[in-house]
Amino acid sequence: MINIDQICLHSAYTVLTRCLAPEEPAMPRLTLNRIRNAKLPPNKKQIFLWDEDAKGLGVRITGSAKVFIFQSRMLMPDKNGILKPSTFRIKIGGCDSVLLEDARNVARRYAAQVAEGIDPRQARQRTAENEATERQERKRQDVTIGKAWPTYMEERRPNWSTKYYSDHERIISPGGKQKKRGKGLTVAGPLASIANLPLSSVTADSIKKWLADEQPKRPTETRRAFEMLRTFLNWCEADKRYHGLAPPNACSAKIKKDNLTKKNSRDDALQREQLSVWFASVRRYENKVLSAYVQMLFLIGARREELLSLKWSDVDFRWKKVHILGKGAVPRDLPLTPYVAALLSKLPRRNEWVFSSTRGKEGRLQSPTKAFQKMMSRAEIDDITLHGLRRSFSTLSEWLETPVGIVYQIQGHEPSATAEKHYKKRPVDLLRKWHIKIEAWILEEAGVEVPGADQETGFRLVKIV
């Protein structure tokens, strides 16, 4: 129901506004010739030409330009909040860029707003803000997976290892580049086929279609790409720049279960009877840096990237320990066992890296997989991976009934029990006691002859029975 008082108040306001409108002297309507021929008098800084067709429309003429303007009066609050009549002026546009009839239409619209008690300046500002928001949203809607992916990688980089970062680069790479090693061109990553897909178009159906295309060709890589994509979409949802564009459930557990083959857990590990042929093949390998890397990887049970990033400053021959930056950038100290110390002491010191390389981009080994496969082929040992060496260290240590907590700490595993996590902090010398036993037993089973002493490392290498 309409309030009579409101009607009266609005009517009074309308009448008052019209009474306050500027009174312009009668003059002809604006025409193009009138505007074109108008000149600024020498003693004037500006003059105005007014239009009789559109109330408030005028042309402001200065020494440098002719501009369409709208001028009117309305009640506006002063600094104390009291409504007072005030004159305002709005620029419509230059006479050389705005048509006269368009300027009239704009002036009539502004006049209608004034009649309703609306400030055209505020209305125009709100319109501009809404248009800017709409443009920004349209631009946001067009963001593709490939455009947001580098931003995601760069912001998450401090929390990732070098290998994990490079895996994200490779998984979405379009391919077609010359291989750094070997001949031929690189292959496109599993996510390359949907890199141009807008985030706003990511749906469960689009992910299913992508999986159907990629899964038959490379199931393991596709599974890894799916996991990375799911983490990426969760990050997008939490970031205000991409929030609400792609539903995180597009990579739900159900889609994974229904569209990806089940991952088979690897159980590759060296057997006790394989140790002799394994060591014989690895120690004969031509590249002694690669040979030492593979042996050390096995004898300390480390992750491959932990060892590749080892620097000479991390090796302490005096106090017989090695400082390793583990998974999640968590550091840990390991014993420097006698045989490993002998291996490291013979390596060339070309640069800061322990496992240096003259061909590596960073001056160190990058991908020892092919060399390791060649070693295994010569030893005629099948299905052993570099990560399988880590599993081998853990498995073979049970022959000596080594406490599992000792093995976990050496390998950098998370403690599996409250007591291990909060109450047992083993020093390096206690780890060394067991680690030397494990190394000596492995070398004995392999039939590796150990020298009696090493002057440079300060260790006396003996065979423990």
Protein backbone atom coordinates (compact mmCIF):
# COMPACT_ATOMS: atom_id res chain seq x y z
CA MET A 1 0.00 0.00 0.00
CA ILE A 2 1.35 3.50 -0.95
CA ASN A 3 1.95 5.95 1.86
CA ILE A 4 0.21 9.33 1.20
CA ASP A 5 2.99 11.18 3.04
CA GLN A 6 5.61 9.66 0.72
CA ILE A 7 3.62 10.77 -2.35
CA CYS A 8 3.34 14.32 -1.05
CA LEU A 9 7.05 14.41 -0.15
CA HIS A 10 8.08 13.13 -3.59
CA SER A 11 5.81 15.64 -5.37
CA ALA A 12 7.18 18.51 -3.34
CA TYR A 13 10.75 17.37 -4.06
CA THR A 14 10.04 17.18 -7.82
CA VAL A 15 8.53 20.68 -7.92
CA LEU A 16 11.45 22.09 -5.91
CA THR A 17 13.99 20.43 -8.20
CA ARG A 18 12.35 21.90 -11.28
CA CYS A 19 12.26 25.33 -9.66
CA LEU A 20 15.98 25.02 -8.92
CA ALA A 21 16.86 24.04 -12.50
CA PRO A 22 19.16 26.58 -14.13
CA GLU A 23 17.42 29.24 -16.14
CA GLU A 24 19.17 29.65 -19.46
CA PRO A 25 18.46 32.51 -21.84
CA ALA A 26 16.39 31.60 -24.87
CA MET A 27 18.63 30.58 -27.74
CA PRO A 28 18.43 28.38 -30.82
CA ARG A 29 18.89 24.66 -30.66
CA LEU A 30 22.36 23.20 -31.06
CA THR A 31 23.36 22.33 -34.61
CA LEU A 32 26.60 21.04 -36.08
CA ASN A 33 27.22 24.35 -37.88
CA ARG A 34 26.60 26.34 -34.71
CA ILE A 35 29.06 24.19 -32.79
CA ARG A 36 31.62 24.21 -35.62
CA ASN A 37 31.48 27.99 -36.11
CA ALA A 38 31.56 28.92 -32.41
CA LYS A 39 34.81 30.61 -31.39
CA LEU A 40 36.26 31.43 -27.97
CA PRO A 41 36.55 35.19 -27.47
CA PRO A 42 40.08 36.39 -26.73
CA ASN A 43 39.18 37.60 -23.24
CA LYS A 44 37.38 34.40 -22.19
CA LYS A 45 38.68 31.12 -20.77
CA GLN A 46 35.49 29.24 -21.64
CA ILE A 47 32.00 29.78 -23.04
CA PHE A 48 28.89 27.60 -23.19
CA LEU A 49 26.35 26.92 -25.94
CA TRP A 50 23.03 25.55 -24.69
CA ASP A 51 20.45 23.40 -26.44
CA GLU A 52 16.74 24.18 -26.29
CA ASP A 53 15.73 20.61 -27.31
CA ALA A 54 17.41 18.71 -24.47
CA LYS A 55 17.21 20.50 -21.13
CA GLY A 56 20.68 20.87 -19.55
CA LEU A 57 22.65 19.88 -22.66
CA GLY A 58 25.42 22.25 -23.61
CA VAL A 59 28.78 22.57 -25.31
CA ARG A 60 31.74 23.82 -23.28
CA ILE A 61 34.25 25.62 -25.47
CA THR A 62 37.81 26.24 -24.27
CA GLY A 63 41.01 27.11 -26.06
CA SER A 64 41.78 23.46 -26.71
CA ALA A 65 38.46 21.56 -27.05
CA LYS A 66 34.70 21.55 -27.57
CA VAL A 67 32.94 19.15 -25.23
CA PHE A 68 29.31 18.13 -24.71
CA ILE A 69 28.26 18.60 -21.09
CA PHE A 70 25.12 18.19 -19.01
CA GLN A 71 24.37 20.76 -16.30
CA SER A 72 21.59 20.78 -13.74
CA ARG A 73 20.73 21.50 -10.12
CA MET A 74 19.41 19.24 -7.40
CA LEU A 75 19.21 18.97 -3.66
CA MET A 76 22.39 17.43 -2.27
CA PRO A 77 23.61 17.06 1.30
CA ASP A 78 26.38 19.36 2.45
CA LYS A 79 29.16 18.35 4.83
CA ASN A 80 26.68 18.52 7.72
CA GLY A 81 24.16 16.34 5.93
CA ILE A 82 21.71 19.19 5.26
CA LEU A 83 20.01 19.14 1.85
CA LYS A 84 20.82 22.26 -0.17
CA PRO A 85 20.41 23.14 -3.87
CA SER A 86 23.64 22.62 -5.77
CA THR A 87 24.68 22.92 -9.40
CA PHE A 88 26.69 20.11 -10.97
CA ARG A 89 28.11 19.44 -14.39
CA ILE A 90 28.89 16.13 -16.15
CA LYS A 91 31.12 15.68 -19.17
CA ILE A 92 29.43 13.63 -21.91
CA GLY A 93 32.21 13.58 -24.49
CA GLY A 94 34.13 15.48 -27.11
CA CYS A 95 32.15 17.02 -29.99
CA ASP A 96 34.46 15.33 -32.47
CA SER A 97 33.75 11.85 -31.06
CA VAL A 98 30.09 12.00 -29.85
CA LEU A 99 27.17 12.54 -32.20
CA LEU A 100 24.87 15.46 -31.34
CA GLU A 101 21.76 13.28 -31.21
CA ASP A 102 23.53 10.78 -28.96
CA ALA A 103 24.49 13.64 -26.64
CA ARG A 104 20.82 14.73 -26.53
CA ASN A 105 19.74 11.21 -25.57
CA VAL A 106 22.30 11.08 -22.77
CA ALA A 107 21.21 14.53 -21.51
CA ARG A 108 17.54 13.47 -21.50
CA ARG A 109 18.43 10.35 -19.52
CA TYR A 110 20.37 12.42 -16.98
CA ALA A 111 17.48 14.89 -16.72
CA ALA A 112 15.04 12.04 -16.03
CA GLN A 113 17.33 10.78 -13.24
CA VAL A 114 17.51 14.27 -11.71
CA ALA A 115 13.70 14.46 -11.79
CA GLU A 116 13.61 11.22 -9.78
CA GLY A 117 16.12 12.52 -7.25
CA ILE A 118 18.99 10.38 -8.59
CA ASP A 119 22.44 11.89 -8.95
CA PRO A 120 23.56 11.02 -12.52
CA ARG A 121 27.21 11.06 -11.47
CA GLN A 122 26.65 8.33 -8.91
CA ALA A 123 24.48 6.38 -11.34
CA ARG A 124 27.20 6.59 -14.00
CA GLN A 125 29.85 5.49 -11.52
CA ARG A 126 27.77 2.50 -10.47
CA THR A 127 27.23 1.59 -14.12
CA ALA A 128 30.97 1.84 -14.82
CA GLU A 129 31.75 -0.31 -11.78
CA ASN A 130 29.18 -2.90 -12.84
CA GLU A 131 30.57 -2.97 -16.36
CA ALA A 132 34.12 -3.35 -15.03
CA THR A 133 32.98 -6.19 -12.77
CA GLU A 134 31.26 -7.86 -15.71
CA ARG A 135 34.37 -7.50 -17.88
CA GLN A 136 36.51 -8.94 -15.11
CA GLU A 137 34.12 -11.84 -14.64
CA ARG A 138 34.07 -12.54 -18.39
CA LYS A 139 37.86 -12.47 -18.35
CA ARG A 140 37.85 -14.78 -15.32
CA GLN A 141 35.47 -17.17 -17.05
CA ASP A 142 37.91 -17.45 -19.96
CA VAL A 143 40.88 -18.56 -17.80
CA THR A 144 42.03 -21.99 -18.95
CA ILE A 145 43.77 -24.76 -17.05
CA GLY A 146 46.95 -23.98 -18.96
CA LYS A 147 46.88 -20.29 -17.95
CA ALA A 148 46.25 -20.93 -14.24
CA TRP A 149 48.67 -23.87 -13.99
CA PRO A 150 51.93 -21.81 -14.04
CA THR A 151 50.55 -19.49 -11.33
CA TYR A 152 49.66 -22.53 -9.24
CA MET A 153 53.12 -24.02 -9.73
CA GLU A 154 54.95 -20.82 -8.82
CA GLU A 155 52.92 -20.23 -5.64
CA ARG A 156 53.33 -23.83 -4.49
CA ARG A 157 57.00 -24.07 -5.47
CA PRO A 158 58.39 -23.34 -1.97
CA ASN A 159 56.52 -26.40 -0.67
CA TRP A 160 57.67 -28.77 -3.43
CA SER A 161 60.87 -30.60 -4.24
CA THR A 162 62.69 -29.84 -7.50
CA LYS A 163 61.50 -33.11 -9.01
CA TYR A 164 57.87 -32.58 -8.04
CA TYR A 165 57.98 -29.13 -9.64
CA SER A 166 59.50 -30.52 -12.85
CA ASP A 167 56.85 -33.27 -12.86
CA HIS A 168 54.16 -30.57 -12.94
CA GLU A 169 55.94 -28.91 -15.87
CA ARG A 170 56.20 -32.19 -17.75
CA ILE A 171 52.64 -33.36 -17.09
CA ILE A 172 51.13 -30.39 -18.98
CA SER A 173 53.91 -29.82 -21.53
CA PRO A 174 52.67 -29.67 -25.15
CA GLY A 175 55.72 -31.66 -26.26
CA GLY A 176 57.35 -31.31 -29.66
CA LYS A 177 60.66 -30.02 -28.26
CA GLN A 178 64.06 -31.53 -28.90
CA LYS A 179 64.97 -34.04 -26.20
CA LYS A 180 67.82 -33.02 -23.91
CA ARG A 181 69.05 -36.60 -23.96
CA GLY A 182 68.78 -38.85 -26.95
CA LYS A 183 67.20 -38.13 -30.31
CA GLY A 184 63.71 -37.12 -31.30
CA LEU A 185 61.08 -34.81 -29.83
CA THR A 186 59.42 -34.81 -26.44
CA VAL A 187 55.92 -36.26 -26.04
CA ALA A 188 53.00 -34.14 -24.86
CA GLY A 189 52.01 -34.66 -21.22
CA PRO A 190 48.64 -36.17 -20.25
CA LEU A 191 47.17 -32.77 -19.29
CA ALA A 192 48.24 -31.09 -22.53
CA SER A 193 45.04 -32.19 -24.28
CA ILE A 194 42.88 -30.18 -21.81
CA ALA A 195 45.28 -27.28 -21.19
CA ASN A 196 43.07 -24.99 -23.32
CA LEU A 197 39.89 -26.02 -21.52
CA PRO A 198 38.43 -23.06 -19.54
CA LEU A 199 38.14 -23.71 -15.82
CA SER A 200 34.46 -22.80 -16.10
CA SER A 201 34.03 -25.70 -18.55
CA VAL A 202 35.63 -28.31 -16.29
CA THR A 203 32.92 -30.80 -15.34
CA ALA A 204 32.73 -34.42 -14.32
CA ASP A 205 31.79 -35.30 -17.92
CA SER A 206 34.77 -33.43 -19.42
CA ILE A 207 37.13 -35.19 -17.00
CA LYS A 208 35.62 -38.58 -17.84
CA LYS A 209 36.10 -37.92 -21.55
CA TRP A 210 39.72 -36.90 -20.95
CA LEU A 211 40.39 -40.05 -18.92
CA ALA A 212 38.79 -42.20 -21.62
CA ASP A 213 41.24 -40.74 -24.17
CA GLU A 214 44.41 -40.89 -22.04
CA GLN A 215 43.93 -43.98 -19.87
CA PRO A 216 44.45 -46.63 -22.61
CA LYS A 217 47.67 -44.99 -23.84
CA ARG A 218 49.48 -44.44 -20.51
CA PRO A 219 47.58 -45.57 -17.43
CA THR A 220 50.26 -44.80 -14.84
CA GLU A 221 50.94 -41.27 -16.12
CA THR A 222 47.21 -40.58 -16.43
CA ARG A 223 46.61 -41.64 -12.84
CA ARG A 224 49.37 -39.31 -11.66
CA ALA A 225 48.03 -36.47 -13.80
CA PHE A 226 44.54 -37.01 -12.35
CA GLU A 227 45.88 -36.69 -8.80
CA MET A 228 47.75 -33.50 -9.70
CA LEU A 229 44.67 -32.07 -11.42
CA ARG A 230 42.50 -32.81 -8.39
CA THR A 231 44.92 -30.98 -6.08
CA PHE A 232 45.05 -28.10 -8.58
CA LEU A 233 41.24 -27.76 -8.65
CA ASN A 234 41.11 -27.71 -4.84
CA TRP A 235 43.69 -24.91 -4.89
CA CYS A 236 41.62 -22.98 -7.46
CA GLU A 237 38.53 -23.24 -5.29
CA ALA A 238 40.43 -21.79 -2.32
CA ASP A 239 41.92 -18.94 -4.38
CA LYS A 240 39.74 -15.84 -4.84
CA ARG A 241 40.98 -15.37 -8.41
CA TYR A 242 39.55 -18.72 -9.52
CA HIS A 243 36.97 -19.45 -6.84
CA GLY A 244 33.72 -20.90 -8.17
CA LEU A 245 34.99 -21.55 -11.70
CA ALA A 246 35.62 -25.29 -11.57
CA PRO A 247 33.86 -27.72 -9.23
CA PRO A 248 36.41 -29.68 -7.14
CA ASN A 249 34.19 -32.77 -7.35
CA ALA A 250 34.96 -32.95 -11.09
CA CYS A 251 37.84 -35.16 -9.93
CA SER A 252 35.94 -37.01 -7.21
CA ALA A 253 36.93 -40.35 -5.72
CA LYS A 254 34.02 -42.00 -7.54
CA ILE A 255 35.27 -40.76 -10.93
CA LYS A 256 38.73 -42.05 -10.07
CA LYS A 257 37.36 -45.43 -9.05
CA ASP A 258 35.10 -45.80 -12.10
CA ASN A 259 37.45 -44.49 -14.77
CA LEU A 260 41.00 -45.38 -13.71
CA THR A 261 42.54 -48.81 -13.50
CA LYS A 262 43.53 -49.81 -10.00
CA LYS A 263 47.11 -48.98 -9.12
CA ASN A 264 49.24 -52.03 -8.49
CA SER A 265 51.64 -51.52 -5.61
CA ARG A 266 55.23 -52.35 -6.52
CA ASP A 267 57.07 -54.86 -4.40
CA ASP A 268 60.40 -54.91 -6.23
CA ALA A 269 63.36 -55.51 -3.93
CA LEU A 270 66.75 -57.20 -4.18
CA GLN A 271 66.97 -60.70 -2.79
CA ARG A 272 69.84 -61.81 -0.60
CA GLU A 273 71.19 -64.15 -3.29
CA GLN A 274 71.15 -61.35 -5.91
CA LEU A 275 73.51 -59.06 -4.00
CA SER A 276 76.76 -60.39 -5.47
CA VAL A 277 75.75 -60.04 -9.15
CA TRP A 278 74.08 -56.71 -8.42
CA PHE A 279 77.20 -55.19 -6.87
CA ALA A 280 79.44 -56.70 -9.56
CA SER A 281 77.39 -55.03 -12.31
CA VAL A 282 77.05 -51.66 -10.57
CA ARG A 283 80.71 -51.41 -9.58
CA ARG A 284 81.84 -52.21 -13.15
CA TYR A 285 79.79 -49.39 -14.66
CA GLU A 286 81.90 -46.96 -16.69
CA ASN A 287 80.63 -43.75 -15.09
CA LYS A 288 81.99 -43.90 -11.54
CA VAL A 289 79.77 -41.03 -10.33
CA LEU A 290 76.65 -42.96 -11.40
CA SER A 291 78.07 -46.14 -9.92
CA ALA A 292 78.70 -44.46 -6.56
CA TYR A 293 75.25 -42.83 -6.63
CA VAL A 294 73.42 -46.14 -7.15
CA GLN A 295 75.46 -47.93 -4.45
CA MET A 296 74.92 -45.15 -1.92
CA LEU A 297 71.21 -44.99 -2.78
CA PHE A 298 70.94 -48.66 -1.82
CA LEU A 299 73.19 -48.58 1.25
CA ILE A 300 71.44 -45.67 2.99
CA GLY A 301 67.89 -46.39 1.76
CA ALA A 302 67.31 -42.78 0.65
CA ARG A 303 64.91 -41.36 -1.92
CA ARG A 304 66.49 -40.71 -5.30
CA GLU A 305 66.01 -36.91 -5.23
CA GLU A 306 67.36 -36.62 -1.69
CA LEU A 307 70.65 -37.98 -2.91
CA LEU A 308 70.78 -36.18 -6.26
CA SER A 309 70.64 -32.83 -4.43
CA LEU A 310 73.46 -33.76 -2.01
CA LYS A 311 76.22 -31.14 -1.78
CA TRP A 312 79.78 -31.49 -0.51
CA SER A 313 78.90 -29.07 2.29
CA ASP A 314 76.39 -31.69 3.51
CA VAL A 315 79.07 -34.38 3.92
CA ASP A 316 81.04 -34.30 7.16
CA PHE A 317 84.00 -36.73 6.98
CA ARG A 318 85.29 -35.60 10.37
CA TRP A 319 82.16 -36.39 12.36
CA LYS A 320 81.06 -39.11 9.97
CA LYS A 321 77.61 -37.89 9.07
CA VAL A 322 75.57 -36.73 6.07
CA HIS A 323 72.96 -33.97 6.13
CA ILE A 324 70.01 -34.71 3.83
CA LEU A 325 67.03 -32.55 2.92
CA GLY A 326 64.20 -35.06 2.89
CA LYS A 327 60.62 -35.16 1.72
CA GLY A 328 58.72 -31.93 2.36
CA ALA A 329 62.06 -30.14 2.88
CA VAL A 330 62.47 -31.88 6.28
CA PRO A 331 66.21 -32.21 7.09
CA ARG A 332 67.77 -35.21 8.79
CA ASP A 333 71.28 -36.38 9.66
CA LEU A 334 72.47 -39.85 8.69
CA PRO A 335 75.61 -41.78 9.63
CA LEU A 336 78.40 -41.76 7.07
CA THR A 337 79.18 -45.46 6.98
CA PRO A 338 82.67 -46.77 6.08
CA TYR A 339 82.02 -48.11 2.57
CA VAL A 340 79.90 -45.09 1.56
CA ALA A 341 82.62 -42.77 2.88
CA ALA A 342 85.19 -44.59 0.73
CA LEU A 343 82.93 -44.20 -2.34
CA LEU A 344 82.47 -40.46 -1.80
CA SER A 345 86.14 -39.78 -1.11
CA LYS A 346 87.04 -40.99 -4.62
CA LEU A 347 84.51 -38.81 -6.47
CA PRO A 348 85.70 -35.75 -8.45
CA ARG A 349 84.93 -32.37 -6.90
CA ARG A 350 83.93 -30.45 -10.02
CA ASN A 351 81.47 -28.17 -8.26
CA GLU A 352 79.24 -28.01 -5.17
CA TRP A 353 77.36 -31.20 -6.04
CA VAL A 354 78.54 -34.59 -4.75
CA PHE A 355 77.12 -36.41 -7.78
CA SER A 356 78.27 -33.89 -10.37
CA SER A 357 77.91 -34.10 -14.12
CA THR A 358 79.62 -32.32 -16.99
CA ARG A 359 76.46 -32.57 -19.11
CA GLY A 360 73.75 -31.76 -16.56
CA LYS A 361 72.12 -28.31 -16.82
CA GLU A 362 72.66 -27.69 -13.09
CA GLY A 363 76.05 -29.38 -13.03
CA ARG A 364 74.71 -32.55 -11.39
CA LEU A 365 73.06 -35.83 -12.29
CA GLN A 366 69.48 -35.34 -13.44
CA SER A 367 67.95 -38.68 -14.41
CA PRO A 368 69.99 -41.82 -13.64
CA THR A 369 67.16 -44.19 -14.68
CA LYS A 370 68.57 -45.25 -18.07
CA ALA A 371 72.02 -45.90 -16.65
CA PHE A 372 70.50 -47.95 -13.82
CA GLN A 373 68.46 -50.00 -16.29
CA LYS A 374 71.66 -50.78 -18.19
CA MET A 375 73.30 -51.93 -14.94
CA MET A 376 70.34 -54.20 -14.20
CA SER A 377 70.33 -55.58 -17.73
CA ARG A 378 74.01 -56.56 -17.39
CA ALA A 379 73.27 -58.22 -14.05
CA GLU A 380 70.26 -59.99 -15.62
CA ILE A 381 68.04 -58.76 -12.78
CA ASP A 382 64.56 -57.82 -13.92
CA ASP A 383 61.95 -55.46 -12.50
CA ILE A 384 64.15 -53.56 -10.06
CA THR A 385 63.66 -49.79 -9.95
CA LEU A 386 65.66 -47.07 -8.25
CA HIS A 387 62.92 -46.80 -5.63
CA GLY A 388 63.12 -50.58 -5.26
CA LEU A 389 66.60 -50.07 -3.78
CA ARG A 390 65.02 -48.10 -0.94
CA ARG A 391 62.63 -50.99 -0.39
CA SER A 392 65.58 -53.42 -0.54
CA PHE A 393 67.43 -51.60 2.26
CA SER A 394 64.37 -51.79 4.51
CA THR A 395 63.72 -55.46 3.71
CA LEU A 396 67.31 -56.71 4.06
CA SER A 397 67.79 -54.93 7.39
CA GLU A 398 65.38 -57.46 8.91
CA TRP A 399 68.01 -60.18 8.49
CA LEU A 400 69.88 -58.49 11.35
CA GLU A 401 66.68 -57.95 13.36
CA THR A 402 67.32 -54.20 13.26
CA PRO A 403 64.75 -52.25 15.30
CA VAL A 404 62.16 -50.92 12.88
CA GLY A 405 62.38 -47.45 14.41
CA ILE A 406 66.08 -47.31 13.51
CA VAL A 407 65.32 -48.16 9.88
CA TYR A 408 62.46 -45.64 9.74
CA GLN A 409 64.66 -42.84 11.06
CA ILE A 410 67.50 -43.63 8.64
CA GLN A 411 65.11 -43.68 5.68
CA GLY A 412 63.18 -40.59 6.73
CA HIS A 413 59.82 -42.28 7.27
CA GLU A 414 57.21 -40.69 9.51
CA PRO A 415 57.17 -42.38 12.96
CA SER A 416 54.32 -44.88 13.10
CA ALA A 417 53.62 -44.77 16.83
CA THR A 418 53.22 -42.18 19.56
CA ALA A 419 56.32 -43.37 21.40
CA GLU A 420 58.42 -43.13 18.23
CA LYS A 421 57.05 -39.70 17.39
CA HIS A 422 57.33 -38.00 20.77
CA TYR A 423 59.68 -39.96 23.03
CA LYS A 424 62.47 -41.46 20.91
CA LYS A 425 64.97 -39.09 19.36
CA ARG A 426 67.96 -41.25 18.42
CA PRO A 427 71.30 -39.46 17.96
CA VAL A 428 73.43 -40.13 14.90
CA ASP A 429 75.94 -42.26 16.85
CA LEU A 430 73.16 -44.69 17.86
CA LEU A 431 71.97 -44.90 14.26
CA ARG A 432 75.58 -45.46 13.18
CA LYS A 433 75.91 -48.55 15.37
CA TRP A 434 73.12 -50.30 13.45
CA HIS A 435 73.79 -48.73 10.08
CA ILE A 436 77.38 -50.02 10.01
CA LYS A 437 76.10 -53.51 10.85
CA ILE A 438 73.57 -53.37 7.99
CA GLU A 439 76.20 -52.16 5.51
CA ALA A 440 78.77 -54.75 6.60
CA TRP A 441 76.24 -57.60 6.34
CA ILE A 442 75.15 -56.53 2.83
CA LEU A 443 78.77 -56.28 1.65
CA GLU A 444 79.61 -59.64 3.17
CA GLU A 445 76.66 -61.29 1.42
CA ALA A 446 77.70 -59.59 -1.83
CA GLY A 447 81.28 -60.80 -1.47
CA VAL A 448 82.64 -57.27 -1.76
CA GLU A 449 86.21 -56.99 -0.54
CA VAL A 450 86.63 -54.00 1.71
CA PRO A 451 90.06 -52.36 2.20
CA GLY A 452 91.46 -52.50 5.69
CA ALA A 453 91.75 -48.73 6.20
CA ASP A 454 91.10 -45.45 4.47
CA GLN A 455 93.38 -42.60 5.44
CA GLU A 456 91.24 -39.82 3.97
CA THR A 457 87.96 -40.71 5.67
CA GLY A 458 89.48 -41.85 8.96
CA PHE A 459 87.44 -45.09 8.95
CA ARG A 460 88.84 -48.51 9.50
CA LEU A 461 86.77 -50.80 7.32
CA VAL A 462 86.43 -54.28 8.71
CA LYS A 463 84.23 -57.21 7.89
CA ILE A 464 81.72 -57.86 10.66
CA VAL A 465 80.74 -61.48 11.28
